[in-house]
């Protein structure tokens, strides 16, 4: 499989949650226009409201790396990072997929 998942664990500064979500959404909207990207998602840890996790599937490592090397990447990610105390990015290679299939039986 050539699909790559990019993830990030964000430790958001207390009181900056709304600003972080706003800037992350702007960043993700821009990223979703890049070739090979899919839907980007952000979740908040229910047990730790300062911890957020983002993830996105890419059609391959080349697409993800091209995105990170684009001239706008550093400028746009800097706007998100203004609201966090820590950020840990990770790249994951997809090794297995399980999904349900729709019932295509006709009557």
PDB file of N, CA and C in Angstrom:
ATOM      1  N   UNK A   1       0.843  -1.179   0.000  1.00  0.00           N
ATOM      2  CA  UNK A   1       0.000   0.000   0.000  1.00  0.00           C
ATOM      3  C   UNK A   1       0.886   1.240   0.000  1.00  0.00           C
ATOM      4  N   UNK A   2       0.466   2.258  -0.691  1.00  0.00           N
ATOM      5  CA  UNK A   2       1.276   3.463  -0.740  1.00  0.00           C
ATOM      6  C   UNK A   2       0.661   4.616   0.043  1.00  0.00           C
ATOM      7  N   UNK A   3      -0.475   4.398   0.663  1.00  0.00           N
ATOM      8  CA  UNK A   3      -1.121   5.469   1.413  1.00  0.00           C
ATOM      9  C   UNK A   3      -0.286   5.842   2.633  1.00  0.00           C
ATOM     10  N   UNK A   4      -0.204   7.135   2.893  1.00  0.00           N
ATOM     11  CA  UNK A   4       0.528   7.642   4.044  1.00  0.00           C
ATOM     12  C   UNK A   4      -0.435   8.460   4.899  1.00  0.00           C
ATOM     13  N   UNK A   5      -0.300   8.338   6.209  1.00  0.00           N
ATOM     14  CA  UNK A   5      -1.099   9.123   7.145  1.00  0.00           C
ATOM     15  C   UNK A   5      -0.154  10.076   7.865  1.00  0.00           C
ATOM     16  N   UNK A   6      -0.494  11.360   7.859  1.00  0.00           N
ATOM     17  CA  UNK A   6       0.253  12.306   8.680  1.00  0.00           C
ATOM     18  C   UNK A   6      -0.583  12.593   9.917  1.00  0.00           C
ATOM     19  N   UNK A   7       0.081  12.622  11.054  1.00  0.00           N
ATOM     20  CA  UNK A   7      -0.604  12.916  12.304  1.00  0.00           C
ATOM     21  C   UNK A   7       0.158  13.994  13.056  1.00  0.00           C
ATOM     22  N   UNK A   8      -0.539  14.624  13.959  1.00  0.00           N
ATOM     23  CA  UNK A   8       0.107  15.582  14.834  1.00  0.00           C
ATOM     24  C   UNK A   8      -0.575  15.549  16.184  1.00  0.00           C
ATOM     25  N   UNK A   9       0.222  15.592  17.230  1.00  0.00           N
ATOM     26  CA  UNK A   9      -0.305  15.722  18.581  1.00  0.00           C
ATOM     27  C   UNK A   9       0.044  17.132  19.029  1.00  0.00           C
ATOM     28  N   UNK A  10      -0.991  17.884  19.361  1.00  0.00           N
ATOM     29  CA  UNK A  10      -0.864  19.301  19.695  1.00  0.00           C
ATOM     30  C   UNK A  10      -1.197  19.510  21.160  1.00  0.00           C
ATOM     31  N   UNK A  11      -0.352  20.176  21.898  1.00  0.00           N
ATOM     32  CA  UNK A  11      -0.625  20.564  23.284  1.00  0.00           C
ATOM     33  C   UNK A  11      -0.969  22.055  23.237  1.00  0.00           C
ATOM     34  N   UNK A  12      -2.267  22.358  23.305  1.00  0.00           N
ATOM     35  CA  UNK A  12      -2.764  23.718  23.133  1.00  0.00           C
ATOM     36  C   UNK A  12      -2.663  24.496  24.452  1.00  0.00           C
ATOM     37  N   UNK A  13      -2.221  25.736  24.334  1.00  0.00           N
ATOM     38  CA  UNK A  13      -2.142  26.604  25.515  1.00  0.00           C
ATOM     39  C   UNK A  13      -3.533  26.824  26.093  1.00  0.00           C
ATOM     40  N   UNK A  14      -3.674  26.744  27.414  1.00  0.00           N
ATOM     41  CA  UNK A  14      -4.978  27.018  28.036  1.00  0.00           C
ATOM     42  C   UNK A  14      -5.488  28.406  27.618  1.00  0.00           C
ATOM     43  N   UNK A  15      -6.756  28.444  27.266  1.00  0.00           N
ATOM     44  CA  UNK A  15      -7.368  29.689  26.828  1.00  0.00           C
ATOM     45  C   UNK A  15      -7.189  29.993  25.354  1.00  0.00           C
ATOM     46  N   UNK A  16      -6.437  29.179  24.628  1.00  0.00           N
ATOM     47  CA  UNK A  16      -6.185  29.394  23.199  1.00  0.00           C
ATOM     48  C   UNK A  16      -6.908  28.382  22.316  1.00  0.00           C
ATOM     49  N   UNK A  17      -7.804  27.608  22.895  1.00  0.00           N
ATOM     50  CA  UNK A  17      -8.450  26.531  22.145  1.00  0.00           C
ATOM     51  C   UNK A  17      -9.186  27.045  20.905  1.00  0.00           C
ATOM     52  N   UNK A  18      -9.997  28.073  21.046  1.00  0.00           N
ATOM     53  CA  UNK A  18     -10.776  28.581  19.908  1.00  0.00           C
ATOM     54  C   UNK A  18      -9.865  29.118  18.814  1.00  0.00           C
ATOM     55  N   UNK A  19      -8.823  29.849  19.199  1.00  0.00           N
ATOM     56  CA  UNK A  19      -7.887  30.384  18.210  1.00  0.00           C
ATOM     57  C   UNK A  19      -7.134  29.267  17.509  1.00  0.00           C
ATOM     58  N   UNK A  20      -6.725  28.254  18.294  1.00  0.00           N
ATOM     59  CA  UNK A  20      -6.034  27.107  17.700  1.00  0.00           C
ATOM     60  C   UNK A  20      -6.919  26.414  16.674  1.00  0.00           C
ATOM     61  N   UNK A  21      -8.159  26.129  17.043  1.00  0.00           N
ATOM     62  CA  UNK A  21      -9.070  25.442  16.118  1.00  0.00           C
ATOM     63  C   UNK A  21      -9.286  26.277  14.863  1.00  0.00           C
ATOM     64  N   UNK A  22      -9.452  27.571  15.024  1.00  0.00           N
ATOM     65  CA  UNK A  22      -9.631  28.462  13.870  1.00  0.00           C
ATOM     66  C   UNK A  22      -8.414  28.406  12.937  1.00  0.00           C
ATOM     67  N   UNK A  23      -7.221  28.557  13.497  1.00  0.00           N
ATOM     68  CA  UNK A  23      -6.004  28.555  12.664  1.00  0.00           C
ATOM     69  C   UNK A  23      -5.737  27.173  12.071  1.00  0.00           C
ATOM     70  N   UNK A  24      -6.000  26.111  12.857  1.00  0.00           N
ATOM     71  CA  UNK A  24      -5.802  24.767  12.312  1.00  0.00           C
ATOM     72  C   UNK A  24      -6.750  24.541  11.132  1.00  0.00           C
ATOM     73  N   UNK A  25      -7.993  24.990  11.259  1.00  0.00           N
ATOM     74  CA  UNK A  25      -8.976  24.820  10.182  1.00  0.00           C
ATOM     75  C   UNK A  25      -8.534  25.558   8.932  1.00  0.00           C
ATOM     76  N   UNK A  26      -8.032  26.767   9.072  1.00  0.00           N
ATOM     77  CA  UNK A  26      -7.525  27.515   7.915  1.00  0.00           C
ATOM     78  C   UNK A  26      -6.359  26.761   7.273  1.00  0.00           C
ATOM     79  N   UNK A  27      -5.448  26.256   8.107  1.00  0.00           N
ATOM     80  CA  UNK A  27      -4.305  25.488   7.627  1.00  0.00           C
ATOM     81  C   UNK A  27      -4.775  24.230   6.893  1.00  0.00           C
ATOM     82  N   UNK A  28      -5.735  23.522   7.465  1.00  0.00           N
ATOM     83  CA  UNK A  28      -6.235  22.277   6.880  1.00  0.00           C
ATOM     84  C   UNK A  28      -6.978  22.527   5.574  1.00  0.00           C
ATOM     85  N   UNK A  29      -7.722  23.627   5.500  1.00  0.00           N
ATOM     86  CA  UNK A  29      -8.408  23.957   4.250  1.00  0.00           C
ATOM     87  C   UNK A  29      -7.394  24.190   3.135  1.00  0.00           C
ATOM     88  N   UNK A  30      -6.322  24.886   3.450  1.00  0.00           N
ATOM     89  CA  UNK A  30      -5.254  25.092   2.466  1.00  0.00           C
ATOM     90  C   UNK A  30      -4.623  23.748   2.091  1.00  0.00           C
ATOM     91  N   UNK A  31      -4.292  22.930   3.081  1.00  0.00           N
ATOM     92  CA  UNK A  31      -3.646  21.639   2.826  1.00  0.00           C
ATOM     93  C   UNK A  31      -4.521  20.733   1.965  1.00  0.00           C
ATOM     94  N   UNK A  32      -5.831  20.818   2.146  1.00  0.00           N
ATOM     95  CA  UNK A  32      -6.732  19.942   1.389  1.00  0.00           C
ATOM     96  C   UNK A  32      -6.769  20.288  -0.098  1.00  0.00           C
ATOM     97  N   UNK A  33      -6.205  21.425  -0.475  1.00  0.00           N
ATOM     98  CA  UNK A  33      -6.137  21.783  -1.899  1.00  0.00           C
ATOM     99  C   UNK A  33      -4.916  21.176  -2.579  1.00  0.00           C
ATOM    100  N   UNK A  34      -4.031  20.578  -1.814  1.00  0.00           N
ATOM    101  CA  UNK A  34      -2.804  20.014  -2.370  1.00  0.00           C
ATOM    102  C   UNK A  34      -3.108  18.686  -3.068  1.00  0.00           C
ATOM    103  N   UNK A  35      -2.390  18.445  -4.126  1.00  0.00           N
ATOM    104  CA  UNK A  35      -2.547  17.196  -4.874  1.00  0.00           C
ATOM    105  C   UNK A  35      -2.240  16.003  -3.974  1.00  0.00           C
ATOM    106  N   UNK A  36      -3.104  15.004  -4.004  1.00  0.00           N
ATOM    107  CA  UNK A  36      -2.892  13.784  -3.235  1.00  0.00           C
ATOM    108  C   UNK A  36      -3.434  13.821  -1.821  1.00  0.00           C
ATOM    109  N   UNK A  37      -4.069  14.930  -1.432  1.00  0.00           N
ATOM    110  CA  UNK A  37      -4.600  15.005  -0.072  1.00  0.00           C
ATOM    111  C   UNK A  37      -6.030  14.484  -0.031  1.00  0.00           C
ATOM    112  N   UNK A  38      -6.466  14.173   1.154  1.00  0.00           N
ATOM    113  CA  UNK A  38      -7.849  13.777   1.388  1.00  0.00           C
ATOM    114  C   UNK A  38      -8.371  14.645   2.526  1.00  0.00           C
ATOM    115  N   UNK A  39      -9.371  14.212   3.216  1.00  0.00           N
ATOM    116  CA  UNK A  39      -9.953  14.974   4.320  1.00  0.00           C
ATOM    117  C   UNK A  39      -8.982  15.015   5.495  1.00  0.00           C
ATOM    118  N   UNK A  40      -8.767  16.192   6.046  1.00  0.00           N
ATOM    119  CA  UNK A  40      -7.960  16.362   7.247  1.00  0.00           C
ATOM    120  C   UNK A  40      -8.897  16.467   8.433  1.00  0.00           C
ATOM    121  N   UNK A  41      -8.513  15.871   9.551  1.00  0.00           N
ATOM    122  CA  UNK A  41      -9.380  15.836  10.722  1.00  0.00           C
ATOM    123  C   UNK A  41      -8.614  16.277  11.962  1.00  0.00           C
ATOM    124  N   UNK A  42      -9.357  16.861  12.897  1.00  0.00           N
ATOM    125  CA  UNK A  42      -8.792  17.275  14.171  1.00  0.00           C
ATOM    126  C   UNK A  42      -9.723  16.797  15.270  1.00  0.00           C
ATOM    127  N   UNK A  43      -9.157  16.150  16.268  1.00  0.00           N
ATOM    128  CA  UNK A  43      -9.946  15.682  17.400  1.00  0.00           C
ATOM    129  C   UNK A  43      -9.367  16.187  18.702  1.00  0.00           C
ATOM    130  N   UNK A  44     -10.242  16.348  19.679  1.00  0.00           N
ATOM    131  CA  UNK A  44      -9.834  16.755  21.025  1.00  0.00           C
ATOM    132  C   UNK A  44      -9.935  15.537  21.937  1.00  0.00           C
ATOM    133  N   UNK A  45      -8.905  15.315  22.728  1.00  0.00           N
ATOM    134  CA  UNK A  45      -8.873  14.208  23.676  1.00  0.00           C
ATOM    135  C   UNK A  45      -9.905  14.478  24.777  1.00  0.00           C
ATOM    136  N   UNK A  46     -10.901  13.627  24.907  1.00  0.00           N
ATOM    137  CA  UNK A  46     -11.953  13.830  25.910  1.00  0.00           C
ATOM    138  C   UNK A  46     -11.423  13.791  27.339  1.00  0.00           C
ATOM    139  N   UNK A  47     -10.327  13.095  27.553  1.00  0.00           N
ATOM    140  CA  UNK A  47      -9.749  13.018  28.889  1.00  0.00           C
ATOM    141  C   UNK A  47      -8.717  14.101  29.174  1.00  0.00           C
ATOM    142  N   UNK A  48      -8.328  14.858  28.152  1.00  0.00           N
ATOM    143  CA  UNK A  48      -7.301  15.900  28.301  1.00  0.00           C
ATOM    144  C   UNK A  48      -7.623  17.017  27.317  1.00  0.00           C
ATOM    145  N   UNK A  49      -8.405  18.020  27.729  1.00  0.00           N
ATOM    146  CA  UNK A  49      -8.895  19.036  26.790  1.00  0.00           C
ATOM    147  C   UNK A  49      -7.827  19.952  26.192  1.00  0.00           C
ATOM    148  N   UNK A  50      -6.584  19.847  26.621  1.00  0.00           N
ATOM    149  CA  UNK A  50      -5.507  20.634  25.996  1.00  0.00           C
ATOM    150  C   UNK A  50      -4.797  19.821  24.919  1.00  0.00           C
ATOM    151  N   UNK A  51      -5.142  18.537  24.774  1.00  0.00           N
ATOM    152  CA  UNK A  51      -4.477  17.649  23.815  1.00  0.00           C
ATOM    153  C   UNK A  51      -5.386  17.434  22.610  1.00  0.00           C
ATOM    154  N   UNK A  52      -4.871  17.782  21.447  1.00  0.00           N
ATOM    155  CA  UNK A  52      -5.583  17.601  20.187  1.00  0.00           C
ATOM    156  C   UNK A  52      -4.745  16.693  19.296  1.00  0.00           C
ATOM    157  N   UNK A  53      -5.420  15.944  18.433  1.00  0.00           N
ATOM    158  CA  UNK A  53      -4.737  15.069  17.485  1.00  0.00           C
ATOM    159  C   UNK A  53      -5.307  15.344  16.101  1.00  0.00           C
ATOM    160  N   UNK A  54      -4.417  15.590  15.153  1.00  0.00           N
ATOM    161  CA  UNK A  54      -4.835  15.785  13.763  1.00  0.00           C
ATOM    162  C   UNK A  54      -4.330  14.621  12.940  1.00  0.00           C
ATOM    163  N   UNK A  55      -5.064  14.312  11.870  1.00  0.00           N
ATOM    164  CA  UNK A  55      -4.612  13.257  10.978  1.00  0.00           C
ATOM    165  C   UNK A  55      -5.198  13.459   9.589  1.00  0.00           C
ATOM    166  N   UNK A  56      -4.416  13.024   8.612  1.00  0.00           N
ATOM    167  CA  UNK A  56      -4.821  13.134   7.217  1.00  0.00           C
ATOM    168  C   UNK A  56      -4.225  11.990   6.430  1.00  0.00           C
ATOM    169  N   UNK A  57      -5.002  11.464   5.510  1.00  0.00           N
ATOM    170  CA  UNK A  57      -4.518  10.432   4.608  1.00  0.00           C
ATOM    171  C   UNK A  57      -4.026  11.109   3.329  1.00  0.00           C
ATOM    172  N   UNK A  58      -2.926  10.617   2.817  1.00  0.00           N
ATOM    173  CA  UNK A  58      -2.348  11.119   1.566  1.00  0.00           C
ATOM    174  C   UNK A  58      -2.214   9.943   0.612  1.00  0.00           C
ATOM    175  N   UNK A  59      -2.297  10.213  -0.665  1.00  0.00           N
ATOM    176  CA  UNK A  59      -2.211   9.142  -1.660  1.00  0.00           C
ATOM    177  C   UNK A  59      -0.835   8.492  -1.672  1.00  0.00           C
ATOM    178  N   UNK A  60       0.139   9.113  -1.084  1.00  0.00           N
ATOM    179  CA  UNK A  60       1.473   8.542  -0.995  1.00  0.00           C
ATOM    180  C   UNK A  60       2.428   9.510  -0.322  1.00  0.00           C
ATOM    181  N   UNK A  61       3.618   9.018  -0.037  1.00  0.00           N
ATOM    182  CA  UNK A  61       4.618   9.838   0.641  1.00  0.00           C
ATOM    183  C   UNK A  61       5.013  11.042  -0.200  1.00  0.00           C
ATOM    184  N   UNK A  62       5.078  10.879  -1.514  1.00  0.00           N
ATOM    185  CA  UNK A  62       5.476  11.992  -2.377  1.00  0.00           C
ATOM    186  C   UNK A  62       4.515  13.167  -2.235  1.00  0.00           C
ATOM    187  N   UNK A  63       3.220  12.891  -2.166  1.00  0.00           N
ATOM    188  CA  UNK A  63       2.230  13.959  -2.020  1.00  0.00           C
ATOM    189  C   UNK A  63       2.384  14.662  -0.678  1.00  0.00           C
ATOM    190  N   UNK A  64       2.561  13.905   0.383  1.00  0.00           N
ATOM    191  CA  UNK A  64       2.712  14.501   1.707  1.00  0.00           C
ATOM    192  C   UNK A  64       3.986  15.325   1.795  1.00  0.00           C
ATOM    193  N   UNK A  65       5.044  14.821   1.230  1.00  0.00           N
ATOM    194  CA  UNK A  65       6.315  15.543   1.298  1.00  0.00           C
ATOM    195  C   UNK A  65       6.295  16.792   0.426  1.00  0.00           C
ATOM    196  N   UNK A  66       5.621  16.749  -0.711  1.00  0.00           N
ATOM    197  CA  UNK A  66       5.497  17.938  -1.561  1.00  0.00           C
ATOM    198  C   UNK A  66       4.740  19.026  -0.816  1.00  0.00           C
ATOM    199  N   UNK A  67       3.701  18.642  -0.091  1.00  0.00           N
ATOM    200  CA  UNK A  67       2.915  19.585   0.706  1.00  0.00           C
ATOM    201  C   UNK A  67       3.801  20.261   1.740  1.00  0.00           C
ATOM    202  N   UNK A  68       4.598  19.487   2.436  1.00  0.00           N
ATOM    203  CA  UNK A  68       5.450  20.038   3.488  1.00  0.00           C
ATOM    204  C   UNK A  68       6.570  20.906   2.920  1.00  0.00           C
ATOM    205  N   UNK A  69       6.927  20.697   1.660  1.00  0.00           N
ATOM    206  CA  UNK A  69       8.003  21.471   1.045  1.00  0.00           C
ATOM    207  C   UNK A  69       7.496  22.687   0.273  1.00  0.00           C
ATOM    208  N   UNK A  70       6.194  22.881   0.226  1.00  0.00           N
ATOM    209  CA  UNK A  70       5.654  24.030  -0.495  1.00  0.00           C
ATOM    210  C   UNK A  70       6.068  25.309   0.222  1.00  0.00           C
ATOM    211  N   UNK A  71       6.240  26.387  -0.510  1.00  0.00           N
ATOM    212  CA  UNK A  71       6.695  27.643   0.101  1.00  0.00           C
ATOM    213  C   UNK A  71       5.769  28.171   1.203  1.00  0.00           C
ATOM    214  N   UNK A  72       4.485  27.897   1.112  1.00  0.00           N
ATOM    215  CA  UNK A  72       3.535  28.424   2.089  1.00  0.00           C
ATOM    216  C   UNK A  72       3.471  27.612   3.379  1.00  0.00           C
ATOM    217  N   UNK A  73       3.999  26.391   3.365  1.00  0.00           N
ATOM    218  CA  UNK A  73       3.830  25.486   4.508  1.00  0.00           C
ATOM    219  C   UNK A  73       4.302  26.120   5.820  1.00  0.00           C
ATOM    220  N   UNK A  74       5.541  26.601   5.858  1.00  0.00           N
ATOM    221  CA  UNK A  74       6.092  27.131   7.118  1.00  0.00           C
ATOM    222  C   UNK A  74       5.293  28.326   7.628  1.00  0.00           C
ATOM    223  N   UNK A  75       4.909  29.193   6.717  1.00  0.00           N
ATOM    224  CA  UNK A  75       4.140  30.376   7.112  1.00  0.00           C
ATOM    225  C   UNK A  75       2.789  29.972   7.703  1.00  0.00           C
ATOM    226  N   UNK A  76       2.119  29.032   7.066  1.00  0.00           N
ATOM    227  CA  UNK A  76       0.787  28.632   7.511  1.00  0.00           C
ATOM    228  C   UNK A  76       0.833  27.816   8.806  1.00  0.00           C
ATOM    229  N   UNK A  77       1.814  26.928   8.925  1.00  0.00           N
ATOM    230  CA  UNK A  77       1.903  26.126  10.152  1.00  0.00           C
ATOM    231  C   UNK A  77       2.312  27.019  11.331  1.00  0.00           C
ATOM    232  N   UNK A  78       3.074  28.065  11.069  1.00  0.00           N
ATOM    233  CA  UNK A  78       3.485  28.987  12.133  1.00  0.00           C
ATOM    234  C   UNK A  78       2.278  29.657  12.778  1.00  0.00           C
ATOM    235  N   UNK A  79       1.244  29.925  11.998  1.00  0.00           N
ATOM    236  CA  UNK A  79       0.035  30.547  12.547  1.00  0.00           C
ATOM    237  C   UNK A  79      -0.658  29.610  13.529  1.00  0.00           C
ATOM    238  N   UNK A  80      -0.606  28.313  13.261  1.00  0.00           N
ATOM    239  CA  UNK A  80      -1.210  27.323  14.169  1.00  0.00           C
ATOM    240  C   UNK A  80      -0.338  27.182  15.423  1.00  0.00           C
ATOM    241  N   UNK A  81       0.961  27.110  15.219  1.00  0.00           N
ATOM    242  CA  UNK A  81       1.890  26.872  16.327  1.00  0.00           C
ATOM    243  C   UNK A  81       1.915  28.007  17.347  1.00  0.00           C
ATOM    244  N   UNK A  82       1.430  29.183  16.994  1.00  0.00           N
ATOM    245  CA  UNK A  82       1.375  30.298  17.956  1.00  0.00           C
ATOM    246  C   UNK A  82       0.520  29.960  19.163  1.00  0.00           C
ATOM    247  N   UNK A  83      -0.370  28.985  19.035  1.00  0.00           N
ATOM    248  CA  UNK A  83      -1.335  28.675  20.085  1.00  0.00           C
ATOM    249  C   UNK A  83      -1.041  27.371  20.822  1.00  0.00           C
ATOM    250  N   UNK A  84       0.144  26.812  20.606  1.00  0.00           N
ATOM    251  CA  UNK A  84       0.463  25.533  21.245  1.00  0.00           C
ATOM    252  C   UNK A  84       1.769  25.615  22.023  1.00  0.00           C
ATOM    253  N   UNK A  85       1.870  24.772  23.032  1.00  0.00           N
ATOM    254  CA  UNK A  85       3.107  24.650  23.801  1.00  0.00           C
ATOM    255  C   UNK A  85       3.998  23.547  23.244  1.00  0.00           C
ATOM    256  N   UNK A  86       3.397  22.563  22.586  1.00  0.00           N
ATOM    257  CA  UNK A  86       4.171  21.450  22.033  1.00  0.00           C
ATOM    258  C   UNK A  86       3.440  20.876  20.826  1.00  0.00           C
ATOM    259  N   UNK A  87       4.212  20.347  19.890  1.00  0.00           N
ATOM    260  CA  UNK A  87       3.661  19.719  18.689  1.00  0.00           C
ATOM    261  C   UNK A  87       4.549  18.547  18.325  1.00  0.00           C
ATOM    262  N   UNK A  88       3.939  17.391  18.093  1.00  0.00           N
ATOM    263  CA  UNK A  88       4.682  16.195  17.712  1.00  0.00           C
ATOM    264  C   UNK A  88       4.090  15.627  16.427  1.00  0.00           C
ATOM    265  N   UNK A  89       4.765  15.852  15.285  1.00  0.00           N
ATOM    266  CA  UNK A  89       4.283  15.288  14.021  1.00  0.00           C
ATOM    267  C   UNK A  89       4.786  13.858  13.825  1.00  0.00           C
ATOM    268  N   UNK A  90       3.987  13.071  13.122  1.00  0.00           N
ATOM    269  CA  UNK A  90       4.347  11.685  12.821  1.00  0.00           C
ATOM    270  C   UNK A  90       3.832  11.334  11.433  1.00  0.00           C
ATOM    271  N   UNK A  91       4.574  10.483  10.729  1.00  0.00           N
ATOM    272  CA  UNK A  91       4.103   9.919   9.467  1.00  0.00           C
ATOM    273  C   UNK A  91       3.926   8.420   9.657  1.00  0.00           C
ATOM    274  N   UNK A  92       2.787   7.913   9.216  1.00  0.00           N
ATOM    275  CA  UNK A  92       2.484   6.491   9.339  1.00  0.00           C
ATOM    276  C   UNK A  92       2.269   5.887   7.961  1.00  0.00           C
ATOM    277  N   UNK A  93       2.872   4.763   7.715  1.00  0.00           N
ATOM    278  CA  UNK A  93       2.636   4.020   6.486  1.00  0.00           C
ATOM    279  C   UNK A  93       1.464   3.069   6.732  1.00  0.00           C
ATOM    280  N   UNK A  94       0.459   3.129   5.887  1.00  0.00           N
ATOM    281  CA  UNK A  94      -0.702   2.250   6.041  1.00  0.00           C
ATOM    282  C   UNK A  94      -0.295   0.830   5.647  1.00  0.00           C
ATOM    283  N   UNK A  95      -0.501  -0.106   6.555  1.00  0.00           N
ATOM    284  CA  UNK A  95      -0.129  -1.492   6.303  1.00  0.00           C
ATOM    285  C   UNK A  95      -1.331  -2.422   6.204  1.00  0.00           C
ATOM    286  N   UNK A  96      -2.512  -1.970   6.628  1.00  0.00           N
ATOM    287  CA  UNK A  96      -3.722  -2.772   6.521  1.00  0.00           C
ATOM    288  C   UNK A  96      -4.935  -1.851   6.578  1.00  0.00           C
ATOM    289  N   UNK A  97      -6.000  -2.269   5.912  1.00  0.00           N
ATOM    290  CA  UNK A  97      -7.263  -1.524   5.907  1.00  0.00           C
ATOM    291  C   UNK A  97      -8.396  -2.526   6.068  1.00  0.00           C
ATOM    292  N   UNK A  98      -9.359  -2.205   6.913  1.00  0.00           N
ATOM    293  CA  UNK A  98     -10.568  -3.015   7.059  1.00  0.00           C
ATOM    294  C   UNK A  98     -11.759  -2.084   6.909  1.00  0.00           C
ATOM    295  N   UNK A  99     -12.723  -2.511   6.160  1.00  0.00           N
ATOM    296  CA  UNK A  99     -13.925  -1.699   5.990  1.00  0.00           C
ATOM    297  C   UNK A  99     -15.090  -2.593   5.637  1.00  0.00           C
ATOM    298  N   UNK A 100     -16.269  -2.083   5.888  1.00  0.00           N
ATOM    299  CA  UNK A 100     -17.466  -2.819   5.520  1.00  0.00           C
ATOM    300  C   UNK A 100     -17.801  -2.488   4.075  1.00  0.00           C
ATOM    301  N   UNK A 101     -18.508  -3.366   3.430  1.00  0.00           N
ATOM    302  CA  UNK A 101     -18.958  -3.097   2.052  1.00  0.00           C
ATOM    303  C   UNK A 101     -20.473  -2.973   2.052  1.00  0.00           C
ATOM    304  N   UNK A 102     -20.958  -2.133   1.190  1.00  0.00           N
ATOM    305  CA  UNK A 102     -22.401  -1.926   1.090  1.00  0.00           C
ATOM    306  C   UNK A 102     -23.043  -3.160   0.487  1.00  0.00           C
ATOM    307  N   UNK A 103     -24.242  -3.466   0.953  1.00  0.00           N
ATOM    308  CA  UNK A 103     -25.006  -4.579   0.394  1.00  0.00           C
ATOM    309  C   UNK A 103     -25.535  -4.143  -0.967  1.00  0.00           C
ATOM    310  N   UNK A 104     -25.125  -4.841  -2.009  1.00  0.00           N
ATOM    311  CA  UNK A 104     -25.543  -4.464  -3.363  1.00  0.00           C
ATOM    312  C   UNK A 104     -26.602  -5.384  -3.925  1.00  0.00           C
ATOM    313  N   UNK A 105     -27.241  -6.159  -3.033  1.00  0.00           N
ATOM    314  CA  UNK A 105     -28.302  -7.070  -3.483  1.00  0.00           C
ATOM    315  C   UNK A 105     -29.509  -6.275  -3.966  1.00  0.00           C
ATOM    316  N   UNK A 106     -30.024  -6.635  -5.127  1.00  0.00           N
ATOM    317  CA  UNK A 106     -31.236  -5.958  -5.632  1.00  0.00           C
ATOM    318  C   UNK A 106     -32.415  -6.901  -5.516  1.00  0.00           C
ATOM    319  N   UNK A 107     -33.592  -6.342  -5.362  1.00  0.00           N
ATOM    320  CA  UNK A 107     -34.814  -7.129  -5.226  1.00  0.00           C
ATOM    321  C   UNK A 107     -35.569  -7.141  -6.533  1.00  0.00           C
TER     322      UNK A 107
END
